[in-house]
Amino acid sequence: METNFITIQEASEISQKSIQTIRRAIKSKKLKVRRMKTPQGFNYLIDKEMLFSLYRIKTTEKAAQETQKETTFDTDVRTTSRVNKVGSDMITADEFRDFTKVLEKMVNQHSDERQNFMRLVNTLQEKIFVLENQMNLLKAPAKKWFQVWK
């Protein structure tokens, strides 16, 4: 088996498409294939480049190069931003106190909202319980017509 050709299952794993989608692409001649005879019929071998170009899949070499370019760009941006912000990275004690006050307010607000939500859930559960009881009372069997005289 040549390295330029892969099976349908491998193609579906690489492209993250279903096997049926790959078969449809073969049938519509969007993918270049080779048939390999087996006792059960034919196995289709798909050309890798055609698969990559059809589904716009990046090869591992290209993807590695692009990620390397992105990481070098990110590190360049970080180093230049650090150089530009040499004196502004420090905060004062007053700014820190203000920040902690804001965080405390947010935490308190969150706990209040959580308590309100839990109260709403409890009232909803109580109302559902009452409705279920009323439904059960309505479903209670009435006396049959012949039991009136007993």
Protein backbone atom coordinates (compact mmCIF):
# COMPACT_ATOMS: atom_id res chain seq x y z
CA MET A 1 0.00 0.00 0.00
CA GLU A 2 1.40 3.40 -0.97
CA THR A 3 1.77 6.16 1.58
CA ASN A 4 -0.12 8.65 -0.60
CA PHE A 5 -3.31 6.59 -0.34
CA ILE A 6 -5.35 5.87 2.79
CA THR A 7 -8.45 3.83 3.57
CA ILE A 8 -11.95 5.26 3.92
CA GLN A 9 -11.86 4.78 7.70
CA GLU A 10 -8.55 6.65 7.99
CA ALA A 11 -9.91 9.41 5.75
CA SER A 12 -13.01 9.77 7.93
CA GLU A 13 -10.85 10.00 11.05
CA ILE A 14 -8.51 12.57 9.52
CA SER A 15 -11.26 14.74 8.05
CA GLN A 16 -13.63 14.13 10.98
CA LYS A 17 -16.41 13.37 8.52
CA SER A 18 -18.54 10.25 8.52
CA ILE A 19 -17.64 7.26 6.42
CA GLN A 20 -20.83 7.78 4.44
CA THR A 21 -19.79 11.36 3.62
CA ILE A 22 -16.46 10.08 2.31
CA ARG A 23 -18.28 7.47 0.22
CA ARG A 24 -20.55 10.18 -1.23
CA ALA A 25 -17.50 12.24 -2.17
CA ILE A 26 -16.02 9.20 -3.91
CA LYS A 27 -19.26 8.55 -5.77
CA SER A 28 -19.49 12.17 -6.92
CA LYS A 29 -15.84 11.93 -8.03
CA LYS A 30 -14.66 14.70 -5.71
CA LEU A 31 -11.98 12.37 -4.36
CA LYS A 32 -9.39 10.48 -6.39
CA VAL A 33 -9.43 6.80 -5.42
CA ARG A 34 -7.82 3.49 -6.25
CA ARG A 35 -9.69 0.24 -6.01
CA MET A 36 -7.90 -2.70 -4.42
CA LYS A 37 -9.42 -6.11 -5.12
CA THR A 38 -10.20 -8.34 -2.14
CA PRO A 39 -12.14 -11.62 -1.91
CA GLN A 40 -15.13 -9.71 -0.49
CA GLY A 41 -15.10 -7.01 -3.18
CA PHE A 42 -13.11 -3.82 -3.49
CA ASN A 43 -11.40 -1.60 -0.94
CA TYR A 44 -11.15 2.04 -1.89
CA LEU A 45 -7.89 3.85 -1.23
CA ILE A 46 -8.17 7.64 -1.19
CA ASP A 47 -5.51 10.09 -2.28
CA LYS A 48 -4.36 12.10 0.77
CA GLU A 49 -3.74 15.37 -1.10
CA MET A 50 -7.22 15.29 -2.64
CA LEU A 51 -8.74 14.68 0.81
CA PHE A 52 -6.73 17.52 2.36
CA SER A 53 -7.66 19.93 -0.43
CA LEU A 54 -11.35 18.94 -0.51
CA TYR A 55 -11.92 19.38 3.22
CA ARG A 56 -9.25 22.09 3.66
CA ILE A 57 -7.24 20.06 6.14
CA LYS A 58 -3.81 21.34 7.04
CA THR A 59 -1.05 18.78 6.94
CA THR A 60 0.90 18.30 10.12
CA GLU A 61 4.00 19.98 8.71
CA LYS A 62 2.08 23.10 7.62
CA ALA A 63 0.12 23.20 10.87
CA ALA A 64 3.33 22.93 12.91
CA GLN A 65 4.92 25.76 10.93
CA GLU A 66 1.86 27.98 11.36
CA THR A 67 1.65 27.34 15.10
CA GLN A 68 5.36 28.07 15.40
CA LYS A 69 4.83 31.38 13.56
CA GLU A 70 1.88 32.23 15.82
CA THR A 71 3.81 31.48 19.01
CA THR A 72 6.78 33.56 17.90
CA PHE A 73 4.42 36.41 17.03
CA ASP A 74 2.71 36.10 20.44
CA THR A 75 6.03 36.15 22.29
CA ASP A 76 7.12 39.18 20.26
CA VAL A 77 3.91 40.99 21.18
CA ARG A 78 4.30 40.07 24.84
CA THR A 79 7.90 41.23 25.04
CA THR A 80 7.12 44.53 23.32
CA SER A 81 4.13 45.11 25.58
CA ARG A 82 6.30 44.40 28.62
CA VAL A 83 8.87 46.87 27.41
CA ASN A 84 6.19 49.49 26.89
CA LYS A 85 4.62 48.91 30.33
CA VAL A 86 7.70 48.79 32.51
CA GLY A 87 6.47 51.36 35.02
CA SER A 88 2.72 50.68 34.79
CA ASP A 89 2.73 47.04 36.01
CA MET A 90 2.66 48.08 39.67
CA ILE A 91 -0.56 49.00 41.49
CA THR A 92 -0.88 51.08 44.59
CA ALA A 93 -2.30 49.97 47.92
CA ASP A 94 -5.37 52.16 47.41
CA GLU A 95 -6.08 50.56 44.04
CA PHE A 96 -5.72 47.13 45.64
CA ARG A 97 -8.17 48.06 48.45
CA ASP A 98 -10.65 49.36 45.89
CA PHE A 99 -10.28 46.16 43.90
CA THR A 100 -10.88 43.97 46.97
CA LYS A 101 -13.97 46.03 47.86
CA VAL A 102 -15.37 45.51 44.38
CA LEU A 103 -14.68 41.78 44.62
CA GLU A 104 -16.38 41.58 48.02
CA LYS A 105 -19.43 43.37 46.62
CA MET A 106 -19.57 40.95 43.72
CA VAL A 107 -19.29 37.93 46.03
CA ASN A 108 -22.05 39.27 48.30
CA GLN A 109 -24.28 40.03 45.34
CA HIS A 110 -23.70 36.53 44.01
CA SER A 111 -24.60 34.92 47.33
CA ASP A 112 -27.78 37.08 47.57
CA GLU A 113 -28.81 36.10 44.06
CA ARG A 114 -28.12 32.46 44.85
CA GLN A 115 -30.34 32.64 47.95
CA ASN A 116 -33.12 34.29 45.94
CA PHE A 117 -32.84 31.60 43.31
CA MET A 118 -33.02 28.85 45.92
CA ARG A 119 -36.12 30.47 47.44
CA LEU A 120 -37.76 30.53 44.01
CA VAL A 121 -36.90 26.88 43.44
CA ASN A 122 -38.35 25.93 46.83
CA THR A 123 -41.62 27.78 46.19
CA LEU A 124 -41.85 26.17 42.77
CA GLN A 125 -41.37 22.74 44.32
CA GLU A 126 -44.09 23.47 46.90
CA LYS A 127 -46.52 24.58 44.21
CA ILE A 128 -45.78 21.47 42.16
CA PHE A 129 -46.41 19.33 45.24
CA VAL A 130 -49.76 21.03 45.83
CA LEU A 131 -50.75 20.55 42.17
CA GLU A 132 -49.79 16.87 42.29
CA ASN A 133 -51.97 16.40 45.39
CA GLN A 134 -54.89 18.12 43.68
CA MET A 135 -54.43 15.91 40.60
CA ASN A 136 -54.40 12.79 42.78
CA LEU A 137 -57.62 13.90 44.46
CA LEU A 138 -59.27 14.40 41.10
CA LYS A 139 -58.14 10.96 39.97
CA ALA A 140 -59.51 9.30 43.12
CA PRO A 141 -62.00 6.62 42.14
CA ALA A 142 -65.62 7.64 42.55
CA LYS A 143 -68.22 5.15 43.69
CA LYS A 144 -69.67 3.15 40.90
CA TRP A 145 -73.37 3.61 40.23
CA PHE A 146 -74.33 0.28 41.71
CA GLN A 147 -72.45 0.97 44.95
CA VAL A 148 -74.79 3.81 45.88
CA TRP A 149 -77.28 1.39 47.53
CA LYS A 150 -74.76 -0.53 49.55
